[in-house]
Amino acid sequence: QVQLVESGGGLVQAGGSLRLSCAASGRTFSRYNIGWFRQAPGEEREFVAGISRSGFSIYYVDSVKGRFTISRDNAKNTVYLQMNSLKPEDTAVYYCAADSYPTATRRQANLYDYWGQGTQVTVSS
């Protein structure tokens, strides 16, 4: 079992940056693909970025390509989401999730096994 804890959210002006962290417990962290999702009020949970167990395969939703960067440090059991050039439409609760499926990262939230509690990101215009 994996427990995930997000941190790094906050309030930032449009054009600013934040770095989210997803810290995992357990010695099997490197066996999981990790995804970042976000959910705005009244909206469905949306895939933002995903990274494979090794870190070699990375995926982004089109709306964040070129602005967000996902990375992982398996030695520290942590995945990061660097968010630059933030826009008001990026405002949401951001969640990290772990997927034990052995191959490529998946984008459907209901396929992920473990979730963190979420961290709020608010971008003011």
Protein backbone atom coordinates (compact mmCIF):
# COMPACT_ATOMS: atom_id res chain seq x y z
CA GLN A 1 0.00 0.00 0.00
CA VAL A 2 1.13 3.56 -0.75
CA GLN A 3 0.17 6.73 1.09
CA LEU A 4 0.51 10.01 -0.79
CA VAL A 5 0.75 13.53 0.59
CA GLU A 6 0.70 16.61 -1.64
CA SER A 7 2.19 19.97 -0.72
CA GLY A 8 3.20 23.21 -2.35
CA GLY A 9 -0.14 24.67 -3.33
CA GLY A 10 -1.10 28.25 -2.67
CA LEU A 11 -2.22 31.56 -4.11
CA VAL A 12 -0.22 33.03 -6.98
CA GLN A 13 -0.76 35.74 -9.56
CA ALA A 14 -1.19 34.90 -13.21
CA GLY A 15 2.19 34.30 -14.82
CA GLY A 16 3.68 33.04 -11.58
CA SER A 17 5.03 29.64 -10.62
CA LEU A 18 4.47 26.93 -8.04
CA ARG A 19 6.08 23.59 -7.43
CA LEU A 20 3.90 20.82 -6.09
CA SER A 21 5.36 17.82 -4.32
CA CYS A 22 3.85 14.40 -3.83
CA ALA A 23 5.59 12.47 -1.06
CA ALA A 24 4.93 8.76 -0.79
CA SER A 25 5.34 6.32 2.04
CA GLY A 26 6.40 2.75 1.53
CA ARG A 27 9.37 1.05 -0.05
CA THR A 28 7.55 0.14 -3.28
CA PHE A 29 7.12 3.68 -4.61
CA SER A 30 9.26 2.97 -7.68
CA ARG A 31 6.77 0.28 -8.76
CA TYR A 32 4.04 2.86 -9.41
CA ASN A 33 3.32 5.18 -12.26
CA ILE A 34 2.29 8.54 -10.82
CA GLY A 35 -0.28 10.94 -12.16
CA TRP A 36 -1.22 14.49 -11.28
CA PHE A 37 -4.89 15.36 -11.61
CA ARG A 38 -6.87 18.50 -10.85
CA GLN A 39 -10.45 19.26 -10.08
CA ALA A 40 -12.09 22.66 -10.26
CA PRO A 41 -15.44 23.34 -8.57
CA GLY A 42 -18.27 21.80 -10.56
CA GLU A 43 -15.87 20.05 -12.90
CA GLU A 44 -14.74 16.47 -13.33
CA ARG A 45 -11.31 15.42 -12.18
CA GLU A 46 -8.88 16.00 -15.05
CA PHE A 47 -5.59 14.33 -15.88
CA VAL A 48 -2.76 16.87 -15.92
CA ALA A 49 0.50 14.92 -16.17
CA GLY A 50 1.84 11.43 -15.67
CA ILE A 51 5.22 9.82 -15.24
CA SER A 52 6.19 6.20 -15.55
CA ARG A 53 7.91 4.19 -12.82
CA SER A 54 11.33 4.77 -14.32
CA GLY A 55 10.64 8.39 -15.20
CA PHE A 56 11.36 7.78 -18.88
CA SER A 57 7.77 8.14 -20.09
CA ILE A 58 6.01 11.41 -19.42
CA TYR A 59 2.61 12.67 -20.56
CA TYR A 60 0.79 15.98 -20.32
CA VAL A 61 -2.65 17.25 -21.13
CA ASP A 62 -2.42 19.68 -24.03
CA SER A 63 -3.41 22.70 -21.94
CA VAL A 64 -0.28 22.50 -19.77
CA LYS A 65 2.34 21.43 -22.32
CA GLY A 66 5.28 23.80 -22.29
CA ARG A 67 4.27 25.24 -18.90
CA PHE A 68 4.25 22.27 -16.50
CA THR A 69 7.01 19.75 -15.87
CA ILE A 70 6.60 16.48 -14.01
CA SER A 71 9.58 14.68 -12.51
CA ARG A 72 10.30 12.07 -9.88
CA ASP A 73 13.05 11.17 -7.45
CA ASN A 74 12.60 7.53 -6.48
CA ALA A 75 15.36 7.78 -3.87
CA LYS A 76 13.24 10.40 -2.08
CA ASN A 77 9.88 8.74 -2.85
CA THR A 78 8.71 12.04 -4.31
CA VAL A 79 7.13 13.28 -7.52
CA TYR A 80 7.13 16.95 -8.45
CA LEU A 81 4.99 19.13 -10.65
CA GLN A 82 6.68 22.38 -11.61
CA MET A 83 4.04 24.81 -12.82
CA ASN A 84 5.13 27.94 -14.67
CA SER A 85 3.21 30.67 -16.49
CA LEU A 86 0.16 29.89 -14.42
CA LYS A 87 -3.24 30.99 -15.65
CA PRO A 88 -6.50 31.57 -13.77
CA GLU A 89 -7.92 28.50 -15.49
CA ASP A 90 -5.28 26.39 -13.69
CA THR A 91 -7.11 27.08 -10.44
CA ALA A 92 -8.16 23.76 -8.90
CA VAL A 93 -7.41 21.22 -6.23
CA TYR A 94 -4.44 19.19 -7.41
CA TYR A 95 -4.11 15.52 -6.55
CA CYS A 96 -1.38 12.98 -7.09
CA ALA A 97 -2.27 9.35 -7.59
CA ALA A 98 -0.43 6.05 -7.92
CA ASP A 99 -1.15 3.43 -10.55
CA SER A 100 0.23 -0.10 -10.19
CA TYR A 101 -0.47 -1.01 -13.82
CA PRO A 102 2.84 -2.30 -15.19
CA THR A 103 3.04 -0.41 -18.47
CA ALA A 104 2.46 3.11 -19.75
CA THR A 105 0.82 5.80 -17.64
CA ARG A 106 -2.92 6.03 -17.94
CA ARG A 107 -5.15 9.10 -17.92
CA GLN A 108 -8.38 7.77 -16.45
CA ALA A 109 -8.72 8.71 -12.80
CA ASN A 110 -10.76 5.63 -11.91
CA LEU A 111 -7.85 3.37 -12.87
CA TYR A 112 -5.52 4.74 -10.20
CA ASP A 113 -5.12 2.81 -6.97
CA TYR A 114 -4.08 5.39 -4.37
CA TRP A 115 -4.75 9.09 -3.95
CA GLY A 116 -3.49 11.95 -1.87
CA GLN A 117 -5.73 14.42 -0.08
CA GLY A 118 -5.13 17.23 -2.57
CA THR A 119 -3.60 20.70 -2.43
CA GLN A 120 -5.34 23.90 -3.51
CA VAL A 121 -3.85 26.02 -6.27
CA THR A 122 -5.43 29.42 -6.86
CA VAL A 123 -4.26 31.70 -9.66
CA SER A 124 -5.51 35.27 -9.54
CA SER A 125 -5.87 37.40 -12.65
